[in-house]
Amino acid sequence: MEFFEERGAMLFTIADEEHGPYFDTYRKLLGEEPRREFSFIAQHMPVRKSILREMLARIEEQVVGEGENWAWKIMRNLEGAHVNLFSEYEMFGHYLKNHYPDQAAFRRLPWLREGTQTVGDIPSARDLERLAAEYYFAAFEGKYRLVRRWGRRVRAWWKSLRSA
């Protein structure tokens, strides 16, 4: 899998995810529109450090909070009850697209986000070969692991007993 074009532009795999709170946070921290045509949430991302540092410095300059670094300014400006309010993928990708469009190229690759649900917690070599024949990459997200699902059910059951 290539991550840079011959001319040096970073190759971004794009996706169709759309989660409003990510873009609300972008607007709040950077004071501009992300101009969303697609999502950058694709399990990997090339990063040019100089551009990332510039973006973080801009957050430090623009966001109110005397003496706080960019990390605290991000955390203190997350609003809402949803568990996912910030995405480093969307933040950097859209910043790059807005300010350095000539340094990026965008592509769609076949990939699988539901690796755990498709082949289970621990894929065999055969599972991985089968996935590799169809996809460039597959994600195995921990929130779908059998142990975690079982643990959530036990905690919910225990909570229901205590509140009864």
N, C-alpha and C. Protein backbone atom coordinates (compact mmCIF):
# COMPACT_ATOMS: atom_id res chain seq x y z
N MET A 1 0.85 -1.16 0.00
CA MET A 1 0.00 0.00 0.00
C MET A 1 0.90 1.23 0.00
N GLU A 2 0.64 2.14 -0.91
CA GLU A 2 1.42 3.37 -1.02
C GLU A 2 0.82 4.46 -0.13
N PHE A 3 1.68 5.31 0.42
CA PHE A 3 1.22 6.41 1.26
C PHE A 3 1.56 7.78 0.70
N PHE A 4 2.38 7.80 -0.37
CA PHE A 4 2.76 9.06 -1.00
C PHE A 4 2.76 8.89 -2.51
N GLU A 5 2.34 9.93 -3.21
CA GLU A 5 2.44 9.94 -4.66
C GLU A 5 3.89 10.24 -5.04
N GLU A 6 4.21 10.02 -6.31
CA GLU A 6 5.57 10.33 -6.78
C GLU A 6 5.95 11.78 -6.56
N ARG A 7 4.99 12.67 -6.71
CA ARG A 7 5.26 14.11 -6.54
C ARG A 7 5.39 14.50 -5.07
N GLY A 8 5.16 13.55 -4.14
CA GLY A 8 5.31 13.80 -2.71
C GLY A 8 4.02 14.06 -1.95
N ALA A 9 2.90 14.15 -2.66
CA ALA A 9 1.62 14.38 -1.97
C ALA A 9 1.25 13.16 -1.14
N MET A 10 0.70 13.43 0.03
CA MET A 10 0.24 12.34 0.90
C MET A 10 -1.03 11.73 0.33
N LEU A 11 -1.10 10.41 0.35
CA LEU A 11 -2.28 9.70 -0.14
C LEU A 11 -3.20 9.37 1.03
N PHE A 12 -4.40 9.91 0.99
CA PHE A 12 -5.38 9.68 2.04
C PHE A 12 -6.46 8.74 1.53
N THR A 13 -6.73 7.71 2.31
CA THR A 13 -7.87 6.85 2.04
C THR A 13 -9.08 7.55 2.66
N ILE A 14 -10.13 7.71 1.87
CA ILE A 14 -11.30 8.42 2.36
C ILE A 14 -12.45 7.44 2.59
N ALA A 15 -13.42 7.90 3.36
CA ALA A 15 -14.55 7.06 3.73
C ALA A 15 -15.83 7.89 3.72
N ASP A 16 -16.93 7.27 4.08
CA ASP A 16 -18.23 7.93 4.05
C ASP A 16 -18.81 8.21 5.43
N GLU A 17 -18.05 8.00 6.48
CA GLU A 17 -18.55 8.24 7.83
C GLU A 17 -18.94 9.70 7.99
N GLU A 18 -20.02 9.93 8.71
CA GLU A 18 -20.43 11.30 8.99
C GLU A 18 -20.93 11.37 10.43
N HIS A 19 -20.17 12.04 11.25
CA HIS A 19 -20.51 12.16 12.67
C HIS A 19 -20.45 13.64 13.03
N GLY A 20 -21.59 14.27 13.13
CA GLY A 20 -21.71 15.71 13.35
C GLY A 20 -20.84 16.30 14.44
N PRO A 21 -20.77 15.67 15.63
CA PRO A 21 -19.95 16.28 16.70
C PRO A 21 -18.48 16.49 16.31
N TYR A 22 -17.92 15.64 15.45
CA TYR A 22 -16.54 15.85 15.02
C TYR A 22 -16.39 17.19 14.32
N PHE A 23 -17.37 17.53 13.48
CA PHE A 23 -17.29 18.76 12.70
C PHE A 23 -17.64 19.97 13.55
N ASP A 24 -18.51 19.80 14.55
CA ASP A 24 -18.78 20.89 15.50
C ASP A 24 -17.49 21.24 16.24
N THR A 25 -16.75 20.23 16.67
CA THR A 25 -15.49 20.46 17.38
C THR A 25 -14.48 21.14 16.45
N TYR A 26 -14.40 20.70 15.20
CA TYR A 26 -13.49 21.33 14.23
C TYR A 26 -13.79 22.82 14.12
N ARG A 27 -15.07 23.15 13.92
CA ARG A 27 -15.46 24.56 13.78
C ARG A 27 -15.09 25.36 15.02
N LYS A 28 -15.36 24.78 16.18
CA LYS A 28 -15.11 25.48 17.44
C LYS A 28 -13.61 25.73 17.67
N LEU A 29 -12.79 24.73 17.35
CA LEU A 29 -11.35 24.85 17.61
C LEU A 29 -10.60 25.65 16.56
N LEU A 30 -11.04 25.58 15.31
CA LEU A 30 -10.29 26.25 14.24
C LEU A 30 -11.02 27.44 13.62
N GLY A 31 -12.29 27.63 13.97
CA GLY A 31 -13.02 28.80 13.49
C GLY A 31 -13.23 28.82 12.00
N GLU A 32 -13.37 27.67 11.38
CA GLU A 32 -13.60 27.58 9.94
C GLU A 32 -14.42 26.33 9.63
N GLU A 33 -14.93 26.28 8.43
CA GLU A 33 -15.72 25.12 7.99
C GLU A 33 -14.81 24.00 7.50
N PRO A 34 -15.14 22.77 7.82
CA PRO A 34 -14.33 21.66 7.33
C PRO A 34 -14.58 21.33 5.86
N ARG A 35 -15.59 21.92 5.22
CA ARG A 35 -15.93 21.62 3.81
C ARG A 35 -15.93 20.11 3.57
N ARG A 36 -16.84 19.45 4.19
CA ARG A 36 -16.89 18.01 4.22
C ARG A 36 -17.50 17.42 2.94
N GLU A 37 -16.69 16.81 2.11
CA GLU A 37 -17.18 16.02 0.98
C GLU A 37 -17.05 14.53 1.27
N PHE A 38 -16.18 14.21 2.22
CA PHE A 38 -15.91 12.82 2.58
C PHE A 38 -15.27 12.80 3.95
N SER A 39 -15.10 11.62 4.50
CA SER A 39 -14.50 11.45 5.82
C SER A 39 -13.06 10.97 5.69
N PHE A 40 -12.26 11.29 6.68
CA PHE A 40 -10.88 10.82 6.74
C PHE A 40 -10.72 9.64 7.69
N ILE A 41 -11.81 9.16 8.27
CA ILE A 41 -11.72 8.06 9.22
C ILE A 41 -11.60 6.75 8.45
N ALA A 42 -10.34 6.33 8.27
CA ALA A 42 -10.06 5.14 7.47
C ALA A 42 -8.95 4.30 8.11
N GLN A 43 -8.81 4.37 9.42
CA GLN A 43 -7.91 3.52 10.19
C GLN A 43 -6.42 3.80 10.01
N HIS A 44 -6.05 4.69 9.13
CA HIS A 44 -4.65 5.09 8.97
C HIS A 44 -4.61 6.47 8.34
N MET A 45 -3.49 7.17 8.55
CA MET A 45 -3.37 8.51 7.99
C MET A 45 -1.90 8.93 7.96
N PRO A 46 -1.41 9.35 6.80
CA PRO A 46 -0.07 9.93 6.77
C PRO A 46 -0.13 11.32 7.40
N VAL A 47 0.94 11.72 8.06
CA VAL A 47 0.96 13.02 8.73
C VAL A 47 2.27 13.73 8.40
N ARG A 48 2.16 14.96 7.97
CA ARG A 48 3.34 15.80 7.80
C ARG A 48 3.44 16.62 9.09
N LYS A 49 4.50 16.36 9.86
CA LYS A 49 4.63 16.95 11.20
C LYS A 49 4.55 18.47 11.19
N SER A 50 5.13 19.10 10.20
CA SER A 50 5.13 20.57 10.19
C SER A 50 3.70 21.12 10.09
N ILE A 51 2.85 20.45 9.32
CA ILE A 51 1.47 20.90 9.18
C ILE A 51 0.69 20.60 10.46
N LEU A 52 0.93 19.45 11.05
CA LEU A 52 0.26 19.11 12.31
C LEU A 52 0.64 20.12 13.40
N ARG A 53 1.92 20.43 13.50
CA ARG A 53 2.37 21.41 14.50
C ARG A 53 1.72 22.78 14.26
N GLU A 54 1.60 23.17 13.00
CA GLU A 54 0.95 24.43 12.67
C GLU A 54 -0.51 24.42 13.13
N MET A 55 -1.22 23.32 12.86
CA MET A 55 -2.62 23.21 13.27
C MET A 55 -2.76 23.29 14.79
N LEU A 56 -1.89 22.59 15.51
CA LEU A 56 -1.95 22.60 16.97
C LEU A 56 -1.63 24.00 17.52
N ALA A 57 -0.68 24.68 16.90
CA ALA A 57 -0.35 26.05 17.31
C ALA A 57 -1.54 26.98 17.08
N ARG A 58 -2.23 26.77 15.99
CA ARG A 58 -3.42 27.58 15.70
C ARG A 58 -4.49 27.37 16.77
N ILE A 59 -4.68 26.12 17.20
CA ILE A 59 -5.64 25.83 18.28
C ILE A 59 -5.19 26.56 19.54
N GLU A 60 -3.91 26.51 19.85
CA GLU A 60 -3.40 27.19 21.06
C GLU A 60 -3.63 28.69 20.99
N GLU A 61 -3.48 29.28 19.80
CA GLU A 61 -3.64 30.73 19.64
C GLU A 61 -5.10 31.16 19.65
N GLN A 62 -5.97 30.40 19.02
CA GLN A 62 -7.35 30.81 18.81
C GLN A 62 -8.28 30.50 19.97
N VAL A 63 -8.04 29.43 20.67
CA VAL A 63 -8.98 28.99 21.69
C VAL A 63 -8.63 29.63 23.03
N VAL A 64 -9.65 30.15 23.70
CA VAL A 64 -9.48 30.80 25.00
C VAL A 64 -9.04 29.78 26.04
N GLY A 65 -8.12 30.19 26.89
CA GLY A 65 -7.62 29.34 27.96
C GLY A 65 -6.18 29.72 28.24
N GLU A 66 -6.00 30.69 29.10
CA GLU A 66 -4.67 31.23 29.37
C GLU A 66 -3.73 30.17 29.92
N GLY A 67 -2.58 30.01 29.29
CA GLY A 67 -1.56 29.10 29.76
C GLY A 67 -1.81 27.63 29.48
N GLU A 68 -2.87 27.33 28.75
CA GLU A 68 -3.18 25.93 28.45
C GLU A 68 -2.58 25.54 27.10
N ASN A 69 -2.13 24.31 27.01
CA ASN A 69 -1.63 23.83 25.73
C ASN A 69 -2.79 23.34 24.86
N TRP A 70 -2.48 22.94 23.64
CA TRP A 70 -3.51 22.53 22.70
C TRP A 70 -4.34 21.35 23.21
N ALA A 71 -3.72 20.41 23.92
CA ALA A 71 -4.45 19.24 24.39
C ALA A 71 -5.55 19.65 25.38
N TRP A 72 -5.22 20.52 26.32
CA TRP A 72 -6.22 20.99 27.29
C TRP A 72 -7.30 21.81 26.60
N LYS A 73 -6.91 22.60 25.63
CA LYS A 73 -7.90 23.42 24.92
C LYS A 73 -8.88 22.54 24.15
N ILE A 74 -8.39 21.47 23.58
CA ILE A 74 -9.30 20.53 22.90
C ILE A 74 -10.24 19.91 23.93
N MET A 75 -9.69 19.37 25.00
CA MET A 75 -10.53 18.68 25.99
C MET A 75 -11.56 19.61 26.62
N ARG A 76 -11.18 20.83 26.91
CA ARG A 76 -12.12 21.76 27.55
C ARG A 76 -13.19 22.28 26.60
N ASN A 77 -13.03 22.06 25.33
CA ASN A 77 -14.00 22.55 24.35
C ASN A 77 -14.85 21.45 23.73
N LEU A 78 -14.82 20.28 24.29
CA LEU A 78 -15.69 19.21 23.81
C LEU A 78 -17.05 19.38 24.48
N GLU A 79 -18.08 19.50 23.67
CA GLU A 79 -19.42 19.73 24.22
C GLU A 79 -20.37 18.66 23.73
N GLY A 80 -21.19 18.19 24.65
CA GLY A 80 -22.20 17.20 24.29
C GLY A 80 -22.07 15.97 25.14
N ALA A 81 -23.07 15.13 25.04
CA ALA A 81 -23.12 13.92 25.86
C ALA A 81 -22.63 12.69 25.11
N HIS A 82 -22.37 12.82 23.84
CA HIS A 82 -21.92 11.67 23.04
C HIS A 82 -20.51 11.26 23.44
N VAL A 83 -20.19 9.98 23.36
CA VAL A 83 -18.84 9.53 23.74
C VAL A 83 -17.80 9.93 22.71
N ASN A 84 -18.17 10.14 21.48
CA ASN A 84 -17.22 10.51 20.42
C ASN A 84 -17.46 11.95 20.00
N LEU A 85 -16.62 12.85 20.51
CA LEU A 85 -16.77 14.27 20.21
C LEU A 85 -15.59 14.84 19.43
N PHE A 86 -14.51 14.08 19.32
CA PHE A 86 -13.30 14.56 18.67
C PHE A 86 -12.69 13.44 17.83
N SER A 87 -12.22 13.79 16.65
CA SER A 87 -11.51 12.84 15.80
C SER A 87 -10.25 13.49 15.25
N GLU A 88 -9.11 12.92 15.60
CA GLU A 88 -7.85 13.42 15.06
C GLU A 88 -7.79 13.21 13.55
N TYR A 89 -8.43 12.17 13.05
CA TYR A 89 -8.47 11.93 11.60
C TYR A 89 -9.20 13.08 10.90
N GLU A 90 -10.41 13.40 11.37
CA GLU A 90 -11.19 14.46 10.73
C GLU A 90 -10.50 15.82 10.91
N MET A 91 -9.96 16.06 12.08
CA MET A 91 -9.34 17.34 12.38
C MET A 91 -8.16 17.60 11.44
N PHE A 92 -7.20 16.69 11.41
CA PHE A 92 -6.02 16.90 10.58
C PHE A 92 -6.36 16.83 9.09
N GLY A 93 -7.17 15.87 8.70
CA GLY A 93 -7.51 15.71 7.29
C GLY A 93 -8.18 16.94 6.70
N HIS A 94 -9.15 17.48 7.40
CA HIS A 94 -9.86 18.65 6.88
C HIS A 94 -9.00 19.92 6.98
N TYR A 95 -8.16 20.00 8.00
CA TYR A 95 -7.23 21.14 8.07
C TYR A 95 -6.29 21.11 6.86
N LEU A 96 -5.74 19.96 6.59
CA LEU A 96 -4.85 19.81 5.45
C LEU A 96 -5.57 20.13 4.14
N LYS A 97 -6.78 19.61 4.00
CA LYS A 97 -7.56 19.85 2.78
C LYS A 97 -7.86 21.34 2.61
N ASN A 98 -8.14 22.05 3.71
CA ASN A 98 -8.45 23.48 3.64
C ASN A 98 -7.22 24.34 3.37
N HIS A 99 -6.07 23.97 3.93
CA HIS A 99 -4.91 24.85 3.88
C HIS A 99 -3.78 24.38 2.95
N TYR A 100 -3.71 23.10 2.67
CA TYR A 100 -2.63 22.56 1.83
C TYR A 100 -3.18 21.53 0.84
N PRO A 101 -4.16 21.89 0.04
CA PRO A 101 -4.77 20.90 -0.85
C PRO A 101 -3.79 20.30 -1.86
N ASP A 102 -2.74 21.04 -2.20
CA ASP A 102 -1.76 20.53 -3.16
C ASP A 102 -0.85 19.45 -2.57
N GLN A 103 -0.86 19.31 -1.25
CA GLN A 103 -0.02 18.30 -0.60
C GLN A 103 -0.78 17.02 -0.29
N ALA A 104 -2.00 16.90 -0.82
CA ALA A 104 -2.81 15.72 -0.53
C ALA A 104 -3.48 15.19 -1.79
N ALA A 105 -3.65 13.90 -1.82
CA ALA A 105 -4.43 13.24 -2.87
C ALA A 105 -5.36 12.26 -2.16
N PHE A 106 -6.55 12.09 -2.70
CA PHE A 106 -7.56 11.29 -2.02
C PHE A 106 -7.96 10.09 -2.87
N ARG A 107 -8.19 8.97 -2.19
CA ARG A 107 -8.52 7.74 -2.90
C ARG A 107 -9.49 6.91 -2.07
N ARG A 108 -10.23 6.08 -2.77
CA ARG A 108 -11.10 5.10 -2.12
C ARG A 108 -10.47 3.73 -2.31
N LEU A 109 -10.28 3.03 -1.22
CA LEU A 109 -9.78 1.66 -1.25
C LEU A 109 -10.79 0.76 -0.57
N PRO A 110 -10.94 -0.46 -1.04
CA PRO A 110 -11.82 -1.37 -0.31
C PRO A 110 -11.17 -1.79 1.01
N TRP A 111 -11.86 -1.54 2.11
CA TRP A 111 -11.37 -1.92 3.43
C TRP A 111 -12.55 -2.33 4.29
N LEU A 112 -12.25 -3.02 5.36
CA LEU A 112 -13.30 -3.56 6.23
C LEU A 112 -13.12 -3.03 7.64
N ARG A 113 -14.14 -2.38 8.15
CA ARG A 113 -14.08 -1.88 9.53
C ARG A 113 -14.50 -2.96 10.52
N GLU A 114 -15.32 -3.89 10.10
CA GLU A 114 -15.92 -4.89 10.99
C GLU A 114 -15.16 -6.21 11.00
N GLY A 115 -13.85 -6.16 11.09
CA GLY A 115 -13.06 -7.39 11.09
C GLY A 115 -13.42 -8.33 12.22
N THR A 116 -13.61 -7.78 13.41
CA THR A 116 -13.95 -8.61 14.57
C THR A 116 -15.29 -9.29 14.38
N GLN A 117 -16.28 -8.56 13.88
CA GLN A 117 -17.59 -9.15 13.67
C GLN A 117 -17.59 -10.16 12.52
N THR A 118 -16.68 -9.99 11.57
CA THR A 118 -16.64 -10.85 10.40
C THR A 118 -15.94 -12.18 10.68
N VAL A 119 -14.77 -12.13 11.32
CA VAL A 119 -14.01 -13.38 11.53
C VAL A 119 -13.74 -13.70 13.00
N GLY A 120 -14.17 -12.83 13.91
CA GLY A 120 -13.98 -13.12 15.33
C GLY A 120 -12.81 -12.36 15.93
N ASP A 121 -12.61 -12.62 17.22
CA ASP A 121 -11.60 -11.90 17.99
C ASP A 121 -10.17 -12.18 17.55
N ILE A 122 -9.89 -13.42 17.21
CA ILE A 122 -8.53 -13.82 16.85
C ILE A 122 -8.57 -14.46 15.47
N PRO A 123 -8.27 -13.69 14.43
CA PRO A 123 -8.35 -14.25 13.08
C PRO A 123 -7.24 -15.27 12.82
N SER A 124 -7.58 -16.29 12.10
CA SER A 124 -6.59 -17.29 11.71
C SER A 124 -5.84 -16.79 10.47
N ALA A 125 -4.77 -17.45 10.13
CA ALA A 125 -4.01 -17.10 8.91
C ALA A 125 -4.92 -17.22 7.70
N ARG A 126 -5.78 -18.22 7.70
CA ARG A 126 -6.71 -18.41 6.58
C ARG A 126 -7.72 -17.26 6.51
N ASP A 127 -8.22 -16.81 7.68
CA ASP A 127 -9.12 -15.66 7.71
C ASP A 127 -8.44 -14.43 7.11
N LEU A 128 -7.20 -14.20 7.51
CA LEU A 128 -6.47 -13.03 7.03
C LEU A 128 -6.21 -13.11 5.52
N GLU A 129 -5.91 -14.29 5.03
CA GLU A 129 -5.71 -14.46 3.58
C GLU A 129 -7.00 -14.16 2.83
N ARG A 130 -8.12 -14.64 3.36
CA ARG A 130 -9.41 -14.41 2.72
C ARG A 130 -9.74 -12.91 2.71
N LEU A 131 -9.48 -12.24 3.82
CA LEU A 131 -9.73 -10.80 3.88
C LEU A 131 -8.79 -10.03 2.94
N ALA A 132 -7.53 -10.46 2.88
CA ALA A 132 -6.55 -9.79 2.02
C ALA A 132 -6.89 -9.90 0.54
N ALA A 133 -7.60 -10.95 0.18
CA ALA A 133 -8.00 -11.11 -1.23
C ALA A 133 -9.05 -10.08 -1.64
N GLU A 134 -9.77 -9.56 -0.67
CA GLU A 134 -10.86 -8.63 -0.97
C GLU A 134 -10.59 -7.18 -0.53
N TYR A 135 -9.79 -7.01 0.52
CA TYR A 135 -9.59 -5.69 1.12
C TYR A 135 -8.11 -5.32 1.19
N TYR A 136 -7.84 -4.02 1.18
CA TYR A 136 -6.48 -3.53 1.40
C TYR A 136 -6.09 -3.68 2.86
N PHE A 137 -7.05 -3.47 3.75
CA PHE A 137 -6.80 -3.63 5.18
C PHE A 137 -8.13 -3.86 5.89
N ALA A 138 -8.03 -4.41 7.10
CA ALA A 138 -9.21 -4.66 7.94
C ALA A 138 -8.91 -4.19 9.35
N ALA A 139 -9.92 -3.63 9.99
CA ALA A 139 -9.79 -3.17 11.37
C ALA A 139 -10.44 -4.19 12.30
N PHE A 140 -9.82 -4.38 13.44
CA PHE A 140 -10.35 -5.28 14.47
C PHE A 140 -10.54 -4.44 15.73
N GLU A 141 -11.70 -3.81 15.84
CA GLU A 141 -11.95 -2.87 16.93
C GLU A 141 -12.29 -3.62 18.21
N GLY A 142 -11.63 -3.21 19.29
CA GLY A 142 -11.78 -3.88 20.57
C GLY A 142 -13.18 -3.85 21.14
N LYS A 143 -13.96 -2.83 20.78
CA LYS A 143 -15.30 -2.73 21.36
C LYS A 143 -16.20 -3.88 20.92
N TYR A 144 -15.80 -4.61 19.90
CA TYR A 144 -16.61 -5.73 19.43
C TYR A 144 -16.11 -7.09 19.90
N ARG A 145 -15.06 -7.09 20.68
CA ARG A 145 -14.52 -8.36 21.16
C ARG A 145 -15.53 -9.04 22.07
N LEU A 146 -15.58 -10.35 21.99
CA LEU A 146 -16.54 -11.14 22.75
C LEU A 146 -16.43 -10.87 24.24
N VAL A 147 -15.22 -10.79 24.77
CA VAL A 147 -15.03 -10.55 26.20
C VAL A 147 -15.64 -9.21 26.61
N ARG A 148 -15.44 -8.18 25.81
CA ARG A 148 -15.99 -6.87 26.13
C ARG A 148 -17.51 -6.89 26.08
N ARG A 149 -18.07 -7.53 25.06
CA ARG A 149 -19.53 -7.61 24.96
C ARG A 149 -20.10 -8.34 26.17
N TRP A 150 -19.48 -9.44 26.56
CA TRP A 150 -19.93 -10.21 27.71
C TRP A 150 -19.83 -9.35 28.98
N GLY A 151 -18.73 -8.63 29.13
CA GLY A 151 -18.53 -7.77 30.30
C GLY A 151 -19.59 -6.69 30.38
N ARG A 152 -19.94 -6.07 29.25
CA ARG A 152 -20.98 -5.04 29.25
C ARG A 152 -22.32 -5.62 29.69
N ARG A 153 -22.62 -6.83 29.22
CA ARG A 153 -23.89 -7.46 29.59
C ARG A 153 -23.93 -7.77 31.08
N VAL A 154 -22.82 -8.25 31.63
CA VAL A 154 -22.77 -8.55 33.06
C VAL A 154 -22.93 -7.27 33.88
N ARG A 155 -22.24 -6.20 33.48
CA ARG A 155 -22.37 -4.93 34.20
C ARG A 155 -23.80 -4.40 34.14
N ALA A 156 -24.45 -4.48 32.98
CA ALA A 156 -25.84 -4.03 32.84
C ALA A 156 -26.76 -4.87 33.72
N TRP A 157 -26.55 -6.17 33.73
CA TRP A 157 -27.36 -7.06 34.56
C TRP A 157 -27.17 -6.72 36.03
N TRP A 158 -25.92 -6.52 36.46
CA TRP A 158 -25.62 -6.19 37.85
C TRP A 158 -26.26 -4.85 38.23
N LYS A 159 -26.18 -3.88 37.34
CA LYS A 159 -26.77 -2.57 37.60
C LYS A 159 -28.28 -2.69 37.74
N SER A 160 -28.90 -3.50 36.91
CA SER A 160 -30.36 -3.67 36.99
C SER A 160 -30.76 -4.33 38.31
N LEU A 161 -29.94 -5.23 38.81
CA LEU A 161 -30.22 -5.88 40.11
C LEU A 161 -30.12 -4.88 41.25
N ARG A 162 -29.10 -4.03 41.19
CA ARG A 162 -28.88 -3.05 42.26
C ARG A 162 -29.94 -1.97 42.28
N SER A 163 -30.50 -1.63 41.12
CA SER A 163 -31.50 -0.56 41.07
C SER A 163 -32.92 -1.08 41.31
N ALA A 164 -33.08 -2.39 41.33
CA ALA A 164 -34.42 -2.98 41.51
C ALA A 164 -34.88 -2.94 42.95
